[in-house]
C-alpha atoms as a PDB file:
ATOM      1  CA  MET A   1       0.040   0.513  -0.231  1.00  0.00           C
ATOM      2  CA  LEU A   2       1.096   3.665  -0.402  1.00  0.00           C
ATOM      3  CA  PHE A   3       1.163   6.236   1.753  1.00  0.00           C
ATOM      4  CA  PRO A   4       0.636  10.279   0.322  1.00  0.00           C
ATOM      5  CA  SER A   5       3.713  11.971   1.562  1.00  0.00           C
ATOM      6  CA  LEU A   6       7.557  11.479   1.818  1.00  0.00           C
ATOM      7  CA  ASN A   7       9.760  13.323   3.577  1.00  0.00           C
ATOM      8  CA  GLY A   8      13.249  11.069   3.452  1.00  0.00           C
ATOM      9  CA  PRO A   9      16.806  12.299   5.104  1.00  0.00           C
ATOM     10  CA  SER A  10      18.103  13.010   1.829  1.00  0.00           C
ATOM     11  CA  CYS A  11      15.057  13.839  -0.723  1.00  0.00           C
ATOM     12  CA  ARG A  12      12.148  16.457  -0.965  1.00  0.00           C
ATOM     13  CA  SER A  13       8.187  15.741   0.622  1.00  0.00           C
ATOM     14  CA  THR A  14       6.031  14.163  -2.214  1.00  0.00           C
ATOM     15  CA  SER A  15       2.893  13.353  -2.472  1.00  0.00           C
ATOM     16  CA  LEU A  16       0.485  10.849  -4.041  1.00  0.00           C
ATOM     17  CA  ALA A  17      -2.977  12.356  -2.644  1.00  0.00           C
ATOM     18  CA  ALA A  18      -1.540  15.421  -4.467  1.00  0.00           C
ATOM     19  CA  ASP A  19      -2.008  14.125  -8.099  1.00  0.00           C
ATOM     20  CA  MET A  20      -5.902  12.668  -6.624  1.00  0.00           C
ATOM     21  CA  PRO A  21      -9.357  14.483  -6.405  1.00  0.00           C
ATOM     22  CA  ALA A  22     -10.429  16.322  -3.067  1.00  0.00           C
ATOM     23  CA  SER A  23     -12.421  14.176  -1.051  1.00  0.00           C
ATOM     24  CA  ALA A  24     -15.180  15.746   0.568  1.00  0.00           C
ATOM     25  CA  GLY A  25     -14.679  13.460   4.055  1.00  0.00           C
ATOM     26  CA  ARG A  26     -14.360  10.638   6.131  1.00  0.00           C
ATOM     27  CA  ASP A  27     -16.441   8.187   3.872  1.00  0.00           C
ATOM     28  CA  THR A  28     -14.655   9.021   0.273  1.00  0.00           C
ATOM     29  CA  SER A  29     -11.252   9.715   1.369  1.00  0.00           C
ATOM     30  CA  PRO A  30      -9.373   7.230  -1.243  1.00  0.00           C
ATOM     31  CA  TRP A  31      -6.634   5.658   1.592  1.00  0.00           C
ATOM     32  CA  LEU A  32      -7.816   2.832   4.288  1.00  0.00           C
ATOM     33  CA  ARG A  33      -5.446   2.140   7.176  1.00  0.00           C
ATOM     34  CA  PHE A  34      -5.436  -1.105   8.951  1.00  0.00           C
ATOM     35  CA  THR A  35      -4.279  -1.847  12.241  1.00  0.00           C
ATOM     36  CA  TRP A  36      -3.370  -5.222  13.795  1.00  0.00           C
ATOM     37  CA  ALA A  37      -2.970  -6.343  17.355  1.00  0.00           C
ATOM     38  CA  CYS A  38       0.149  -8.362  16.468  1.00  0.00           C
ATOM     39  CA  ASP A  39      -0.421  -9.890  20.969  1.00  0.00           C
ATOM     40  CA  LYS A  40      -2.982 -11.655  18.656  1.00  0.00           C
ATOM     41  CA  VAL A  41      -0.955 -12.626  16.155  1.00  0.00           C
ATOM     42  CA  PRO A  42      -0.339 -16.610  16.059  1.00  0.00           C
ATOM     43  CA  ALA A  43       2.882 -18.246  15.100  1.00  0.00           C
ATOM     44  CA  VAL A  44       4.189 -18.312  11.311  1.00  0.00           C
ATOM     45  CA  PRO A  45       3.752 -21.915  10.297  1.00  0.00           C
ATOM     46  CA  VAL A  46       6.673 -23.631   9.169  1.00  0.00           C
ATOM     47  CA  VAL A  47       5.315 -24.870   5.713  1.00  0.00           C
ATOM     48  CA  GLY A  48       5.373 -23.487   1.790  1.00  0.00           C
ATOM     49  CA  ASP A  49       7.794 -20.814   0.227  1.00  0.00           C
ATOM     50  CA  LEU A  50      11.261 -20.130   2.712  1.00  0.00           C
ATOM     51  CA  ILE A  51      10.100 -16.314   4.042  1.00  0.00           C
ATOM     52  CA  ARG A  52      13.580 -14.963   5.384  1.00  0.00           C
ATOM     53  CA  PRO A  53      14.940 -11.488   6.388  1.00  0.00           C
ATOM     54  CA  ALA A  54      16.821  -9.376   3.040  1.00  0.00           C
ATOM     55  CA  SER A  55      20.526  -9.088   2.648  1.00  0.00           C
ATOM     56  CA  ARG A  56      21.892  -5.368   2.170  1.00  0.00           C
ATOM     57  CA  GLU A  57      23.705  -6.434  -0.922  1.00  0.00           C
ATOM     58  CA  GLU A  58      19.621  -7.242  -1.979  1.00  0.00           C
ATOM     59  CA  ALA A  59      18.462  -3.965  -1.170  1.00  0.00           C
ATOM     60  CA  GLU A  60      18.237  -3.362  -5.916  1.00  0.00           C
ATOM     61  CA  GLN A  61      16.130  -6.522  -6.611  1.00  0.00           C
ATOM     62  CA  VAL A  62      13.652  -5.691  -3.841  1.00  0.00           C
ATOM     63  CA  VAL A  63      12.734  -2.676  -5.934  1.00  0.00           C
ATOM     64  CA  LYS A  64      12.716  -4.147  -8.169  1.00  0.00           C
ATOM     65  CA  VAL A  65       9.999  -6.991  -7.340  1.00  0.00           C
ATOM     66  CA  ILE A  66       8.433  -3.729  -5.405  1.00  0.00           C
ATOM     67  CA  LEU A  67       7.302  -1.834  -8.262  1.00  0.00           C
ATOM     68  CA  LEU A  68       6.953  -4.607 -10.709  1.00  0.00           C
ATOM     69  CA  SER A  69       4.046  -5.976  -8.306  1.00  0.00           C
ATOM     70  CA  PHE A  70       2.416  -2.150  -8.344  1.00  0.00           C
ATOM     71  CA  SER A  71       3.478  -1.365 -11.976  1.00  0.00           C
ATOM     72  CA  MET A  72       0.681  -4.666 -12.546  1.00  0.00           C
ATOM     73  CA  ASP A  73      -2.001  -3.379 -10.883  1.00  0.00           C
ATOM     74  CA  SER A  74      -4.059  -0.303 -12.307  1.00  0.00           C
ATOM     75  CA  THR A  75      -5.213   0.771  -9.536  1.00  0.00           C
ATOM     76  CA  TRP A  76      -1.769   2.151  -9.149  1.00  0.00           C
ATOM     77  CA  ASN A  77      -1.605   3.707 -12.407  1.00  0.00           C
ATOM     78  CA  ASP A  78      -1.825   7.236 -12.167  1.00  0.00           C
ATOM     79  CA  SER A  79       0.947   8.550  -9.246  1.00  0.00           C
ATOM     80  CA  LEU A  80       3.797   4.998 -11.018  1.00  0.00           C
ATOM     81  CA  SER A  81       6.483   7.399 -11.026  1.00  0.00           C
ATOM     82  CA  LYS A  82       5.297   8.953  -7.158  1.00  0.00           C
ATOM     83  CA  VAL A  83       5.718   5.049  -6.295  1.00  0.00           C
ATOM     84  CA  GLU A  84       8.492   4.507  -7.829  1.00  0.00           C
ATOM     85  CA  GLU A  85      10.239   7.597  -6.120  1.00  0.00           C
ATOM     86  CA  TYR A  86       8.766   6.791  -2.534  1.00  0.00           C
ATOM     87  CA  ILE A  87       9.875   3.213  -2.551  1.00  0.00           C
ATOM     88  CA  THR A  88      13.104   3.944  -3.753  1.00  0.00           C
ATOM     89  CA  ALA A  89      13.461   6.083  -0.947  1.00  0.00           C
ATOM     90  CA  SER A  90      12.040   3.871   1.330  1.00  0.00           C
ATOM     91  CA  VAL A  91      14.875   0.886   0.700  1.00  0.00           C
ATOM     92  CA  ALA A  92      17.770   4.236   0.568  1.00  0.00           C
ATOM     93  CA  ARG A  93      16.829   5.666   4.341  1.00  0.00           C
ATOM     94  CA  LEU A  94      15.606   1.094   5.625  1.00  0.00           C
ATOM     95  CA  PHE A  95      18.208  -0.437   4.403  1.00  0.00           C
ATOM     96  CA  ASN A  96      20.745   1.879   5.421  1.00  0.00           C
ATOM     97  CA  GLU A  97      19.605   1.798   9.390  1.00  0.00           C
ATOM     98  CA  GLU A  98      21.644  -0.206  12.025  1.00  0.00           C
ATOM     99  CA  ASP A  99      19.444  -3.427  11.891  1.00  0.00           C
ATOM    100  CA  PRO A 100      17.247  -3.000   8.368  1.00  0.00           C
ATOM    101  CA  LEU A 101      13.572  -4.876   9.039  1.00  0.00           C
ATOM    102  CA  CYS A 102      13.198  -6.615   4.902  1.00  0.00           C
ATOM    103  CA  LEU A 103      11.240 -10.227   4.121  1.00  0.00           C
ATOM    104  CA  VAL A 104      11.819 -11.785   0.666  1.00  0.00           C
ATOM    105  CA  ILE A 105      11.027 -14.997  -0.611  1.00  0.00           C
ATOM    106  CA  PRO A 106      13.637 -16.805  -3.234  1.00  0.00           C
ATOM    107  CA  LYS A 107      12.411 -18.724  -5.634  1.00  0.00           C
ATOM    108  CA  GLY A 108      15.513 -20.505  -7.559  1.00  0.00           C
ATOM    109  CA  ASN A 109      18.194 -17.126  -7.825  1.00  0.00           C
ATOM    110  CA  ARG A 110      15.603 -14.718  -7.979  1.00  0.00           C
ATOM    111  CA  ILE A 111      13.368 -12.758  -6.082  1.00  0.00           C
ATOM    112  CA  ILE A 112       9.247 -13.462  -6.327  1.00  0.00           C
ATOM    113  CA  ALA A 113       8.077 -11.521  -3.544  1.00  0.00           C
ATOM    114  CA  ALA A 114       9.594  -8.720  -0.888  1.00  0.00           C
ATOM    115  CA  SER A 115       8.316  -7.069   2.045  1.00  0.00           C
ATOM    116  CA  LEU A 116       9.409  -3.845   3.368  1.00  0.00           C
ATOM    117  CA  LEU A 117       9.046  -3.024   7.102  1.00  0.00           C
ATOM    118  CA  ASP A 118       9.812  -0.034   9.018  1.00  0.00           C
ATOM    119  CA  PRO A 119       9.996  -1.652  13.213  1.00  0.00           C
ATOM    120  CA  GLU A 120       9.529   2.369  14.547  1.00  0.00           C
ATOM    121  CA  SER A 121       7.466   2.491  17.216  1.00  0.00           C
ATOM    122  CA  GLY A 122       6.125   6.306  15.699  1.00  0.00           C
ATOM    123  CA  ALA A 123       6.279   5.989  12.410  1.00  0.00           C
ATOM    124  CA  VAL A 124       3.078   6.407  10.494  1.00  0.00           C
ATOM    125  CA  SER A 125       3.128   3.180   8.240  1.00  0.00           C
ATOM    126  CA  SER A 126       4.420  -0.458   9.694  1.00  0.00           C
ATOM    127  CA  LEU A 127       3.873  -1.926   5.922  1.00  0.00           C
ATOM    128  CA  VAL A 128       6.316  -0.113   4.021  1.00  0.00           C
ATOM    129  CA  SER A 129       5.956  -1.717   0.645  1.00  0.00           C
ATOM    130  CA  GLY A 130       3.063  -4.301   2.056  1.00  0.00           C
ATOM    131  CA  PRO A 131       3.432  -7.448   0.662  1.00  0.00           C
ATOM    132  CA  SER A 132       4.113  -7.319  -3.310  1.00  0.00           C
ATOM    133  CA  VAL A 133       4.445 -10.627  -5.377  1.00  0.00           C
ATOM    134  CA  LEU A 134       5.379 -10.685  -8.621  1.00  0.00           C
ATOM    135  CA  MET A 135       2.146 -10.835 -10.948  1.00  0.00           C
ATOM    136  CA  GLU A 136       2.705 -14.934 -12.252  1.00  0.00           C
ATOM    137  CA  TYR A 137       3.313 -15.773  -8.405  1.00  0.00           C
ATOM    138  CA  ARG A 138      -0.145 -13.955  -7.299  1.00  0.00           C
ATOM    139  CA  ASN A 139      -3.212 -16.042  -6.445  1.00  0.00           C
ATOM    140  CA  ARG A 140      -1.310 -18.954  -4.245  1.00  0.00           C
ATOM    141  CA  GLY A 141      -1.658 -17.208  -1.263  1.00  0.00           C
ATOM    142  CA  ILE A 142       1.938 -16.114  -0.603  1.00  0.00           C
ATOM    143  CA  GLY A 143       0.628 -12.702  -0.232  1.00  0.00           C
ATOM    144  CA  SER A 144      -1.056 -13.908   3.049  1.00  0.00           C
ATOM    145  CA  ARG A 145       1.901 -15.809   4.045  1.00  0.00           C
ATOM    146  CA  LEU A 146       4.441 -13.105   3.951  1.00  0.00           C
ATOM    147  CA  LEU A 147       1.782 -10.001   5.186  1.00  0.00           C
ATOM    148  CA  HIS A 148       1.485 -12.934   8.630  1.00  0.00           C
ATOM    149  CA  ALA A 149       5.161 -13.524   8.293  1.00  0.00           C
ATOM    150  CA  SER A 150       5.530  -9.429   8.394  1.00  0.00           C
ATOM    151  CA  LEU A 151       3.452  -9.583  12.096  1.00  0.00           C
ATOM    152  CA  ALA A 152       5.047 -12.049  13.340  1.00  0.00           C
ATOM    153  CA  ALA A 153       8.231  -9.719  12.604  1.00  0.00           C
ATOM    154  CA  LEU A 154       7.155  -6.240  13.978  1.00  0.00           C
ATOM    155  CA  ARG A 155       6.099  -8.184  16.670  1.00  0.00           C
ATOM    156  CA  ASP A 156       9.677  -9.444  17.415  1.00  0.00           C
ATOM    157  CA  ARG A 157      10.768  -6.756  17.240  1.00  0.00           C
ATOM    158  CA  GLY A 158       8.882  -5.329  19.851  1.00  0.00           C
ATOM    159  CA  LEU A 159       5.729  -3.777  18.531  1.00  0.00           C
ATOM    160  CA  SER A 160       2.211  -3.372  20.135  1.00  0.00           C
ATOM    161  CA  SER A 161       0.121  -3.497  17.214  1.00  0.00           C
ATOM    162  CA  ALA A 162       0.990  -1.921  13.445  1.00  0.00           C
ATOM    163  CA  THR A 163      -0.230  -0.503  10.656  1.00  0.00           C
ATOM    164  CA  GLY A 164      -0.677  -0.508   7.086  1.00  0.00           C
ATOM    165  CA  ILE A 165      -1.914   2.190   4.281  1.00  0.00           C
ATOM    166  CA  THR A 166      -3.489   1.422   1.244  1.00  0.00           C
ATOM    167  CA  ARG A 167      -6.458   2.868  -0.870  1.00  0.00           C
ATOM    168  CA  THR A 168      -9.361   1.607  -0.951  1.00  0.00           C
ATOM    169  CA  ARG A 169     -10.820  -0.851  -4.014  1.00  0.00           C
ATOM    170  CA  THR A 170      -6.791  -2.349  -3.883  1.00  0.00           C
ATOM    171  CA  THR A 171      -6.271  -6.169  -3.451  1.00  0.00           C
ATOM    172  CA  ALA A 172      -4.410  -5.537   0.090  1.00  0.00           C
ATOM    173  CA  ALA A 173      -7.515  -3.624   1.434  1.00  0.00           C
ATOM    174  CA  LEU A 174     -10.261  -6.112   0.593  1.00  0.00           C
ATOM    175  CA  HIS A 175      -8.463  -9.520   0.457  1.00  0.00           C
ATOM    176  CA  VAL A 176      -5.447  -9.408   2.038  1.00  0.00           C
ATOM    177  CA  TYR A 177      -5.207  -7.019   4.814  1.00  0.00           C
ATOM    178  CA  PRO A 178      -8.691  -7.971   6.776  1.00  0.00           C
ATOM    179  CA  LYS A 179      -7.051 -11.049   7.541  1.00  0.00           C
ATOM    180  CA  PHE A 180      -4.588 -11.904  11.283  1.00  0.00           C
ATOM    181  CA  GLY A 181      -7.718  -9.363  12.832  1.00  0.00           C
ATOM    182  CA  GLY A 182      -6.441  -6.641  10.271  1.00  0.00           C
ATOM    183  CA  ILE A 183      -9.394  -3.634  10.973  1.00  0.00           C
ATOM    184  CA  GLY A 184      -9.871  -0.758   8.266  1.00  0.00           C
ATOM    185  CA  GLU A 185     -10.699   2.362   8.700  1.00  0.00           C
ATOM    186  CA  ALA A 186     -10.810   5.673   6.615  1.00  0.00           C
ATOM    187  CA  VAL A 187      -8.567   8.285   6.776  1.00  0.00           C
ATOM    188  CA  GLN A 188      -7.502  11.276   5.785  1.00  0.00           C
ATOM    189  CA  PHE A 189      -3.800  12.568   4.828  1.00  0.00           C
ATOM    190  CA  SER A 190      -2.712  16.345   3.389  1.00  0.00           C
ATOM    191  CA  SER A 191       0.289  16.587   1.382  1.00  0.00           C
ATOM    192  CA  SER A 192       2.146  18.246   3.281  1.00  0.00           C
ATOM    193  CA  SER A 193       2.334  16.055   5.748  1.00  0.00           C
ATOM    194  CA  ASP A 194       5.838  15.744   6.932  1.00  0.00           C
ATOM    195  CA  SER A 195       5.919  12.071   8.811  1.00  0.00           C
ATOM    196  CA  ARG A 196       8.894  10.614   7.154  1.00  0.00           C
ATOM    197  CA  HIS A 197       7.856   7.170   7.580  1.00  0.00           C
ATOM    198  CA  GLN A 198       4.830   5.932   4.725  1.00  0.00           C
ATOM    199  CA  VAL A 199       3.506   2.662   3.440  1.00  0.00           C
ATOM    200  CA  GLY A 200       3.363   1.087  -0.264  1.00  0.00           C
ATOM    201  CA  GLU A 201       0.826  -2.033  -1.152  1.00  0.00           C
ATOM    202  CA  SER A 202      -0.284  -6.071  -0.942  1.00  0.00           C
ATOM    203  CA  LYS A 203      -0.212  -8.330  -3.946  1.00  0.00           C
ATOM    204  CA  SER A 204      -2.018 -11.775  -2.476  1.00  0.00           C
END
């Protein structure tokens, strides 16, 4: 899921919301914020695809997978350039942290899915990119399993609750984020929002 504005340590603030029609009120907001109680997330079963932390050397692959995932979703067609700017800056910022948190699913020698996370307690969104899955691997439950692992990883970093923000009517909003106790609410964001902690999109 993708969040409206970005302030990185070395980039100017951008806004996805600025390119969207103004909404009159809460019920017509194009954004949904989901919240999960991390202590209620069940243990991740040791079955299915390997889910592991990304290495710093895989940062470029992570960017490519996330951007390909967004580009295959028509919901984001009107703001792909902003998505690219946001994801690239977020990966650069978070992979420079002392202990970056990004989960990936490898298949052979390539990465087929990624979830960039921000474990800081004050982050606007803990799920920065959302579980992003390459098109040919969708509809297999990979996004849901990656979301499960992401929430567990955030819990293990000490978060009592996690958040994720996406547009309404996306696959994430309709089919992925309501899982594991996710509760969504409509939210408004201004183009001048000054938080540097942002969010992304999810594919099942």
